[in-house]
């Protein structure tokens, strides 16, 4: 296994093609594979929840859905170690193949026999384990697909694919579930298989030779080495910390606070739809903006300032008394937050040495799927004790701390996204 490598961007890989990301067929194949995987994820989770609901009560359904998140959170960091140890491309292809095989096998079993709750539990656990391998590996690939000057565009395109994929997946799943529950699992499996076929055809830049130097080490040592790398890096460390803080600040108000706010003020179900829909549209426009802009000067300073603005907007959602006002501000928060998040990921990947991309991607993914959801109960207790509006203000304050972390770092303020 790899020994110590360069801690700066000097260990960066060279791009496969000199073409701009949006005109590179290789990048577009990867993007299509990623899109198919996102849609497949959405179809699978809805199919799993639907199948569980046919066999058990609400509590059991919740357990089935939660069981998939447990191995994903517990094993995510190990998934990053495996990605760096065995090459992210190989891990992505292997985990995608396993996902397709498992879900297609489940579709066949459900078609041939009576569904059983134990089968759904087993599928949720296996899928969670495989996701813990897939997510860090796929997150480590963008810097090996295009050059530093195009990484912002690629991240913007990826964000747009995520937004569209999550919008397309539920209607597709609903159509399949309306005919046969097994058909939804089959559809998810086919989408994962399509993603696999496209991924196999994607070319990535080779990893630096320094990656293979040194004596073999245990996965535990690799994990500690990766965490130490993040902590010591003057650009990556503050940005990773800032990303975690922004997730904690954004997710509870948007994924839980909006429901409590609409109930308290009598906005109704339509109010929820308008507010969350506006945020999603704004985030999509932010992704489009990054895709079109391609290059942004003084990216580190722009990212930190955008986080300040997005934080203020999150707090304002809870203060506005009308649905129209809250929705308008939510849309603005999504727009600025999308730009901020895309720049943060691009800067992190641009400055991370190639040998550490998997472990850094794992920490970023863990902050989203593992860390942020853990604070939901705390926000819920606080909302019950002091009201919903303080919940939005606290979230805004926490995400503003993410901006402060970046602004206090001279290296982050001066960080750029171009070849020096």
Protein backbone atom coordinates (compact mmCIF):
# COMPACT_ATOMS: atom_id res chain seq x y z
CA UNK A 1 0.00 0.00 0.00
CA UNK A 2 1.01 3.59 -0.54
CA UNK A 3 3.36 5.33 1.78
CA UNK A 4 3.47 9.06 2.40
CA UNK A 5 2.76 11.20 -0.62
CA UNK A 6 2.78 14.86 -1.43
CA UNK A 7 0.37 16.81 0.74
CA UNK A 8 -0.31 19.52 -1.82
CA UNK A 9 -1.80 19.71 -5.25
CA UNK A 10 1.49 18.64 -6.82
CA UNK A 11 0.26 15.04 -6.64
CA UNK A 12 -2.67 15.96 -8.89
CA UNK A 13 -3.37 13.82 -11.92
CA UNK A 14 -3.24 15.11 -15.48
CA UNK A 15 -6.54 15.41 -17.38
CA UNK A 16 -7.51 12.70 -19.86
CA UNK A 17 -8.60 15.21 -22.52
CA UNK A 18 -7.88 18.90 -23.18
CA UNK A 19 -11.52 19.46 -24.19
CA UNK A 20 -13.84 21.57 -21.99
CA UNK A 21 -15.87 19.37 -19.65
CA UNK A 22 -19.21 20.09 -21.31
CA UNK A 23 -17.83 19.06 -24.73
CA UNK A 24 -15.79 16.05 -23.64
CA UNK A 25 -17.57 12.77 -24.58
CA UNK A 26 -15.67 10.93 -21.85
CA UNK A 27 -16.91 13.35 -19.17
CA UNK A 28 -20.44 13.23 -20.57
CA UNK A 29 -20.43 9.42 -20.37
CA UNK A 30 -19.41 9.64 -16.71
CA UNK A 31 -22.12 12.23 -16.11
CA UNK A 32 -24.73 10.00 -17.76
CA UNK A 33 -23.59 7.08 -15.60
CA UNK A 34 -23.84 9.24 -12.49
CA UNK A 35 -27.31 10.42 -13.51
CA UNK A 36 -28.50 6.85 -14.05
CA UNK A 37 -27.16 5.92 -10.62
CA UNK A 38 -28.95 8.86 -8.94
CA UNK A 39 -32.27 7.95 -10.59
CA UNK A 40 -31.71 4.29 -9.66
CA UNK A 41 -31.13 5.27 -6.03
CA UNK A 42 -34.41 7.22 -5.93
CA UNK A 43 -36.37 4.35 -7.50
CA UNK A 44 -34.79 1.78 -5.18
CA UNK A 45 -35.51 3.67 -1.94
CA UNK A 46 -39.14 4.26 -2.90
CA UNK A 47 -39.53 0.62 -3.95
CA UNK A 48 -38.02 -0.55 -0.65
CA UNK A 49 -40.32 1.67 1.39
CA UNK A 50 -43.37 0.61 -0.60
CA UNK A 51 -42.57 -3.10 -0.27
CA UNK A 52 -41.99 -2.75 3.48
CA UNK A 53 -45.29 -0.89 3.88
CA UNK A 54 -47.14 -3.82 2.28
CA UNK A 55 -45.76 -6.22 4.89
CA UNK A 56 -45.53 -4.27 8.15
CA UNK A 57 -46.62 -1.24 10.12
CA UNK A 58 -45.06 2.23 10.21
CA UNK A 59 -42.51 1.35 12.91
CA UNK A 60 -41.18 -1.62 10.94
CA UNK A 61 -41.06 0.42 7.74
CA UNK A 62 -38.99 3.02 9.54
CA UNK A 63 -36.63 0.33 10.80
CA UNK A 64 -36.15 -1.13 7.31
CA UNK A 65 -35.36 2.27 5.82
CA UNK A 66 -33.06 3.23 8.71
CA UNK A 67 -31.10 -0.03 8.55
CA UNK A 68 -29.69 0.94 5.17
CA UNK A 69 -28.27 4.15 6.61
CA UNK A 70 -26.45 2.42 9.49
CA UNK A 71 -23.76 0.54 7.52
CA UNK A 72 -23.45 3.48 5.13
CA UNK A 73 -22.58 5.81 8.02
CA UNK A 74 -20.42 3.32 9.92
CA UNK A 75 -18.41 2.12 6.92
CA UNK A 76 -18.15 5.31 4.86
CA UNK A 77 -14.63 6.17 6.06
CA UNK A 78 -13.48 2.61 5.41
CA UNK A 79 -14.96 2.96 1.93
CA UNK A 80 -12.69 5.94 1.35
CA UNK A 81 -9.66 3.90 2.45
CA UNK A 82 -10.62 1.10 0.05
CA UNK A 83 -11.08 3.58 -2.81
CA UNK A 84 -7.59 5.02 -2.30
CA UNK A 85 -6.04 1.60 -1.80
CA UNK A 86 -7.50 -0.18 -4.83
CA UNK A 87 -8.17 2.76 -7.22
CA UNK A 88 -11.53 4.60 -7.14
CA UNK A 89 -12.46 3.57 -10.69
CA UNK A 90 -12.18 -0.14 -9.87
CA UNK A 91 -14.16 0.31 -6.66
CA UNK A 92 -16.90 2.28 -8.46
CA UNK A 93 -17.28 -0.36 -11.16
CA UNK A 94 -17.23 -3.24 -8.68
CA UNK A 95 -19.75 -1.68 -6.29
CA UNK A 96 -22.04 -0.62 -9.15
CA UNK A 97 -21.98 -4.18 -10.52
CA UNK A 98 -22.85 -5.53 -7.08
CA UNK A 99 -25.72 -3.07 -6.70
CA UNK A 100 -27.18 -4.03 -10.06
CA UNK A 101 -26.87 -7.76 -9.33
CA UNK A 102 -28.42 -7.51 -5.85
CA UNK A 103 -31.40 -5.37 -6.88
CA UNK A 104 -32.15 -7.42 -10.01
CA UNK A 105 -31.97 -10.61 -7.92
CA UNK A 106 -34.44 -9.10 -5.44
CA UNK A 107 -36.80 -8.24 -8.29
CA UNK A 108 -36.70 -11.86 -9.47
CA UNK A 109 -37.25 -13.22 -5.94
CA UNK A 110 -40.20 -10.92 -5.35
CA UNK A 111 -41.68 -11.96 -8.69
CA UNK A 112 -41.34 -15.68 -7.99
CA UNK A 113 -42.30 -15.76 -4.31
CA UNK A 114 -44.23 -14.00 -1.58
CA UNK A 115 -42.30 -10.99 -0.22
CA UNK A 116 -40.79 -11.42 3.24
CA UNK A 117 -39.69 -8.67 5.63
CA UNK A 118 -36.38 -10.41 6.33
CA UNK A 119 -35.49 -10.16 2.63
CA UNK A 120 -36.08 -6.41 2.61
CA UNK A 121 -33.96 -6.02 5.76
CA UNK A 122 -31.14 -8.01 4.17
CA UNK A 123 -31.34 -5.92 0.99
CA UNK A 124 -31.27 -2.67 2.97
CA UNK A 125 -28.17 -3.78 4.89
CA UNK A 126 -26.32 -5.03 1.80
CA UNK A 127 -27.19 -1.90 -0.17
CA UNK A 128 -25.97 0.28 2.69
CA UNK A 129 -22.63 -1.54 2.75
CA UNK A 130 -22.21 -1.22 -1.01
CA UNK A 131 -23.16 2.46 -0.89
CA UNK A 132 -20.39 3.00 1.66
CA UNK A 133 -17.96 1.79 -1.03
CA UNK A 134 -19.60 3.51 -3.99
CA UNK A 135 -20.04 7.04 -2.63
CA UNK A 136 -16.39 7.84 -1.71
CA UNK A 137 -15.10 6.21 -4.90
CA UNK A 138 -17.44 8.06 -7.25
CA UNK A 139 -16.71 11.30 -5.39
CA UNK A 140 -12.99 10.84 -6.01
CA UNK A 141 -13.23 10.59 -9.81
CA UNK A 142 -13.91 14.18 -11.06
CA UNK A 143 -10.28 15.41 -10.71
CA UNK A 144 -9.19 12.47 -12.90
CA UNK A 145 -11.70 13.28 -15.64
CA UNK A 146 -10.87 16.89 -16.47
CA UNK A 147 -8.32 19.59 -15.78
CA UNK A 148 -8.26 22.03 -12.84
CA UNK A 149 -9.62 24.83 -15.03
CA UNK A 150 -12.73 22.75 -15.74
CA UNK A 151 -13.40 21.25 -12.29
CA UNK A 152 -15.97 23.94 -11.36
CA UNK A 153 -17.91 23.26 -14.55
CA UNK A 154 -17.85 19.51 -13.91
CA UNK A 155 -19.01 19.91 -10.30
CA UNK A 156 -21.81 22.19 -11.49
CA UNK A 157 -22.86 19.61 -14.08
CA UNK A 158 -22.82 16.92 -11.41
CA UNK A 159 -24.97 19.01 -9.07
CA UNK A 160 -27.44 19.56 -11.90
CA UNK A 161 -27.53 15.82 -12.59
CA UNK A 162 -28.30 15.19 -8.91
CA UNK A 163 -31.16 17.72 -8.90
CA UNK A 164 -32.73 16.39 -12.09
CA UNK A 165 -32.18 12.77 -11.08
CA UNK A 166 -33.93 13.25 -7.74
CA UNK A 167 -36.83 14.95 -9.53
CA UNK A 168 -37.15 12.25 -12.21
CA UNK A 169 -36.73 9.20 -9.95
CA UNK A 170 -39.91 9.39 -7.82
CA UNK A 171 -42.35 9.68 -10.78
CA UNK A 172 -40.64 6.75 -12.50
CA UNK A 173 -40.87 4.70 -9.31
CA UNK A 174 -44.51 5.67 -8.84
CA UNK A 175 -45.37 4.53 -12.36
CA UNK A 176 -43.66 1.19 -11.81
CA UNK A 177 -45.23 0.68 -8.37
CA UNK A 178 -48.68 1.41 -9.80
CA UNK A 179 -48.33 -1.70 -11.98
CA UNK A 180 -46.14 -4.15 -10.03
CA UNK A 181 -43.93 -3.61 -7.00
CA UNK A 182 -41.35 -5.96 -8.44
CA UNK A 183 -41.16 -3.79 -11.55
CA UNK A 184 -39.77 -0.90 -9.50
CA UNK A 185 -36.89 -3.05 -8.21
CA UNK A 186 -36.27 -4.28 -11.76
CA UNK A 187 -36.21 -0.69 -13.02
CA UNK A 188 -33.69 0.30 -10.34
CA UNK A 189 -31.52 -2.70 -11.23
CA UNK A 190 -31.61 -1.83 -14.93
CA UNK A 191 -30.59 1.75 -14.15
CA UNK A 192 -27.65 0.52 -12.07
CA UNK A 193 -26.69 -1.84 -14.92
CA UNK A 194 -26.83 1.07 -17.39
CA UNK A 195 -24.65 3.10 -15.05
CA UNK A 196 -22.19 0.21 -14.92
CA UNK A 197 -21.99 -0.11 -18.72
CA UNK A 198 -21.28 3.60 -19.08
CA UNK A 199 -18.70 3.60 -16.27
CA UNK A 200 -16.73 0.78 -17.86
CA UNK A 201 -16.32 2.93 -20.98
CA UNK A 202 -15.09 5.98 -19.03
CA UNK A 203 -11.35 6.70 -19.18
CA UNK A 204 -9.63 8.31 -16.19
CA UNK A 205 -6.16 9.74 -15.76
CA UNK A 206 -3.62 7.34 -14.20
CA UNK A 207 -2.68 7.86 -10.58
CA UNK A 208 0.78 9.26 -9.76
CA UNK A 209 3.50 6.65 -9.32
CA UNK A 210 4.31 7.97 -5.83
CA UNK A 211 1.04 6.39 -4.72
CA UNK A 212 2.57 2.93 -4.80
CA UNK A 213 5.75 3.78 -2.92
CA UNK A 214 6.50 2.65 0.62
CA UNK A 215 5.81 -0.32 2.89
CA UNK A 216 2.35 -1.93 3.19
CA UNK A 217 0.15 -0.51 5.92
CA UNK A 218 -3.10 -1.54 7.57
CA UNK A 219 -6.45 0.03 6.62
CA UNK A 220 -6.55 1.60 10.09
CA UNK A 221 -3.25 3.39 9.47
CA UNK A 222 -4.51 4.56 6.09
CA UNK A 223 -7.65 5.94 7.73
CA UNK A 224 -5.69 7.81 10.41
CA UNK A 225 -3.30 9.07 7.74
CA UNK A 226 -6.24 10.42 5.71
CA UNK A 227 -7.80 12.19 8.68
CA UNK A 228 -4.42 13.65 9.62
CA UNK A 229 -3.96 14.83 6.03
CA UNK A 230 -7.29 16.68 6.16
CA UNK A 231 -6.53 18.22 9.55
CA UNK A 232 -3.11 19.51 8.48
CA UNK A 233 -3.94 20.73 4.99
CA UNK A 234 -4.34 24.52 5.03
CA UNK A 235 -7.02 24.59 2.32
CA UNK A 236 -8.69 21.20 2.48
CA UNK A 237 -8.97 21.13 6.29
CA UNK A 238 -10.91 24.40 6.76
CA UNK A 239 -13.14 23.67 3.76
CA UNK A 240 -14.01 20.16 4.96
CA UNK A 241 -14.83 21.53 8.41
CA UNK A 242 -16.86 24.30 6.82
CA UNK A 243 -18.77 21.78 4.70
CA UNK A 244 -19.71 19.78 7.80
CA UNK A 245 -20.87 22.92 9.62
CA UNK A 246 -22.91 24.08 6.63
CA UNK A 247 -24.64 20.69 6.39
CA UNK A 248 -25.56 20.90 10.09
CA UNK A 249 -26.81 24.45 9.61
CA UNK A 250 -28.77 23.87 6.39
CA UNK A 251 -30.33 20.42 6.66
CA UNK A 252 -32.43 20.62 9.86
CA UNK A 253 -34.18 23.90 8.95
CA UNK A 254 -34.87 22.77 5.39
CA UNK A 255 -35.70 19.10 5.94
CA UNK A 256 -37.54 19.47 9.27
CA UNK A 257 -37.99 23.13 10.10
CA UNK A 258 -40.05 23.94 7.01
CA UNK A 259 -42.67 21.37 8.04
CA UNK A 260 -42.86 22.79 11.56
CA UNK A 261 -42.98 26.37 10.24
CA UNK A 262 -45.85 25.69 7.84
CA UNK A 263 -47.80 23.96 10.61
CA UNK A 264 -47.24 26.82 13.06
CA UNK A 265 -48.26 29.52 10.59
CA UNK A 266 -50.98 27.61 8.79
CA UNK A 267 -49.27 27.63 5.39
CA UNK A 268 -50.59 24.14 4.68
CA UNK A 269 -49.16 21.43 2.44
CA UNK A 270 -48.98 23.83 -0.49
CA UNK A 271 -46.72 26.08 1.56
CA UNK A 272 -44.30 23.21 2.08
CA UNK A 273 -44.29 22.56 -1.64
CA UNK A 274 -43.67 26.18 -2.56
CA UNK A 275 -40.82 26.67 -0.08
CA UNK A 276 -38.97 23.42 -0.74
CA UNK A 277 -39.69 23.61 -4.46
CA UNK A 278 -38.26 27.13 -4.63
CA UNK A 279 -35.12 26.00 -2.82
CA UNK A 280 -34.68 23.10 -5.25
CA UNK A 281 -35.15 25.38 -8.27
CA UNK A 282 -32.67 27.87 -6.85
CA UNK A 283 -30.10 25.15 -6.22
CA UNK A 284 -30.60 23.90 -9.77
CA UNK A 285 -30.03 27.39 -11.16
CA UNK A 286 -26.89 27.63 -9.06
CA UNK A 287 -25.63 24.40 -10.60
CA UNK A 288 -26.42 25.71 -14.08
CA UNK A 289 -24.55 28.90 -13.27
CA UNK A 290 -21.43 26.98 -12.26
CA UNK A 291 -21.69 24.82 -15.38
CA UNK A 292 -21.88 27.89 -17.61
CA UNK A 293 -19.27 29.95 -15.79
CA UNK A 294 -16.63 27.24 -15.82
CA UNK A 295 -13.98 29.43 -14.18
CA UNK A 296 -14.42 31.75 -11.20
CA UNK A 297 -11.67 34.08 -10.07
CA UNK A 298 -10.81 34.24 -6.38
CA UNK A 299 -12.88 31.12 -5.83
CA UNK A 300 -11.97 30.79 -2.15
CA UNK A 301 -13.16 34.28 -1.26
CA UNK A 302 -16.29 33.93 -3.41
CA UNK A 303 -17.12 30.62 -1.68
CA UNK A 304 -16.82 32.10 1.82
CA UNK A 305 -18.81 35.23 0.98
CA UNK A 306 -21.52 33.14 -0.68
CA UNK A 307 -21.80 31.08 2.50
CA UNK A 308 -22.40 34.26 4.53
CA UNK A 309 -25.21 35.32 2.18
CA UNK A 310 -26.76 31.84 2.10
CA UNK A 311 -26.69 31.68 5.90
CA UNK A 312 -28.54 34.98 6.20
CA UNK A 313 -31.14 33.70 3.74
CA UNK A 314 -31.71 30.51 5.74
CA UNK A 315 -32.37 32.52 8.86
CA UNK A 316 -34.72 34.86 6.97
CA UNK A 317 -36.96 31.97 5.89
CA UNK A 318 -38.13 31.57 9.47
CA UNK A 319 -38.76 35.30 9.92
CA UNK A 320 -40.97 36.01 6.91
CA UNK A 321 -44.72 35.81 7.62
CA UNK A 322 -45.97 34.82 4.16
CA UNK A 323 -45.53 31.78 1.93
CA UNK A 324 -44.49 33.97 -0.99
CA UNK A 325 -41.78 35.70 1.01
CA UNK A 326 -40.43 32.48 2.53
CA UNK A 327 -40.43 30.76 -0.88
CA UNK A 328 -38.63 33.68 -2.55
CA UNK A 329 -35.90 33.72 0.10
CA UNK A 330 -35.65 29.90 -0.01
CA UNK A 331 -35.09 30.10 -3.75
CA UNK A 332 -32.36 32.68 -3.24
CA UNK A 333 -30.79 30.52 -0.49
CA UNK A 334 -30.79 27.55 -2.86
CA UNK A 335 -29.16 29.59 -5.62
CA UNK A 336 -26.36 31.01 -3.47
CA UNK A 337 -25.97 27.78 -1.48
CA UNK A 338 -25.63 25.79 -4.71
CA UNK A 339 -22.83 28.06 -5.89
CA UNK A 340 -21.16 27.94 -2.48
CA UNK A 341 -21.39 24.15 -2.21
CA UNK A 342 -20.10 23.59 -5.73
CA UNK A 343 -17.13 25.88 -5.21
CA UNK A 344 -16.32 24.21 -1.90
CA UNK A 345 -16.22 20.73 -3.44
CA UNK A 346 -14.23 21.98 -6.43
CA UNK A 347 -11.65 23.69 -4.21
CA UNK A 348 -11.33 20.63 -1.98
CA UNK A 349 -10.81 18.26 -4.91
CA UNK A 350 -8.47 20.67 -6.69
CA UNK A 351 -6.20 20.90 -3.63
CA UNK A 352 -6.35 17.25 -2.50
CA UNK A 353 -3.48 14.99 -3.52
CA UNK A 354 -4.60 12.15 -5.79
CA UNK A 355 -3.74 9.44 -3.25
CA UNK A 356 -6.17 10.95 -0.71
CA UNK A 357 -9.17 11.73 -2.92
CA UNK A 358 -11.19 8.71 -1.75
CA UNK A 359 -10.72 9.38 1.96
CA UNK A 360 -11.51 13.08 1.60
CA UNK A 361 -14.62 12.25 -0.44
CA UNK A 362 -15.65 9.78 2.28
CA UNK A 363 -15.44 12.44 5.00
CA UNK A 364 -17.51 14.83 2.87
CA UNK A 365 -20.14 12.15 2.22
CA UNK A 366 -20.22 11.17 5.90
CA UNK A 367 -20.94 14.75 6.92
CA UNK A 368 -24.02 14.65 4.66
CA UNK A 369 -25.46 11.18 5.29
CA UNK A 370 -24.16 10.54 8.80
CA UNK A 371 -23.33 13.64 10.79
CA UNK A 372 -26.03 16.14 9.81
CA UNK A 373 -29.02 13.80 10.39
CA UNK A 374 -27.80 13.11 13.94
CA UNK A 375 -28.58 16.67 15.00
CA UNK A 376 -32.22 16.47 13.89
CA UNK A 377 -33.42 15.36 17.35
CA UNK A 378 -31.55 18.24 18.99
CA UNK A 379 -33.16 20.76 16.65
CA UNK A 380 -36.54 19.14 17.28
CA UNK A 381 -36.18 19.44 21.05
CA UNK A 382 -35.03 23.05 20.70
CA UNK A 383 -37.97 23.88 18.42
CA UNK A 384 -40.39 22.41 20.94
CA UNK A 385 -38.82 24.39 23.77
CA UNK A 386 -38.25 27.84 22.23
CA UNK A 387 -40.18 27.78 18.95
CA UNK A 388 -39.51 27.21 15.27
CA UNK A 389 -38.04 30.61 14.37
CA UNK A 390 -34.99 30.21 16.69
CA UNK A 391 -34.37 26.89 14.95
CA UNK A 392 -33.83 28.73 11.65
CA UNK A 393 -31.68 31.36 13.32
CA UNK A 394 -29.49 28.75 15.02
CA UNK A 395 -29.09 26.94 11.71
CA UNK A 396 -28.08 30.21 10.08
CA UNK A 397 -25.55 30.88 12.84
CA UNK A 398 -23.99 27.43 12.47
CA UNK A 399 -23.67 27.74 8.70
CA UNK A 400 -22.25 31.25 9.16
CA UNK A 401 -19.53 29.66 11.31
CA UNK A 402 -18.59 27.66 8.20
CA UNK A 403 -17.96 30.93 6.39
CA UNK A 404 -15.92 32.25 9.32
CA UNK A 405 -13.71 29.15 9.22
CA UNK A 406 -12.92 29.89 5.59
CA UNK A 407 -12.46 33.62 6.02
CA UNK A 408 -10.03 33.11 8.92
CA UNK A 409 -7.78 31.00 6.69
CA UNK A 410 -5.43 33.03 4.52
CA UNK A 411 -4.90 30.03 2.24
CA UNK A 412 -8.64 29.56 1.68
CA UNK A 413 -9.17 33.27 0.99
CA UNK A 414 -6.44 33.14 -1.66
CA UNK A 415 -7.40 29.73 -3.09
CA UNK A 416 -7.87 29.62 -6.86
CA UNK A 417 -9.12 27.01 -9.33
CA UNK A 418 -6.52 27.23 -12.03
CA UNK A 419 -3.14 25.76 -12.88
CA UNK A 420 -0.38 27.86 -11.37
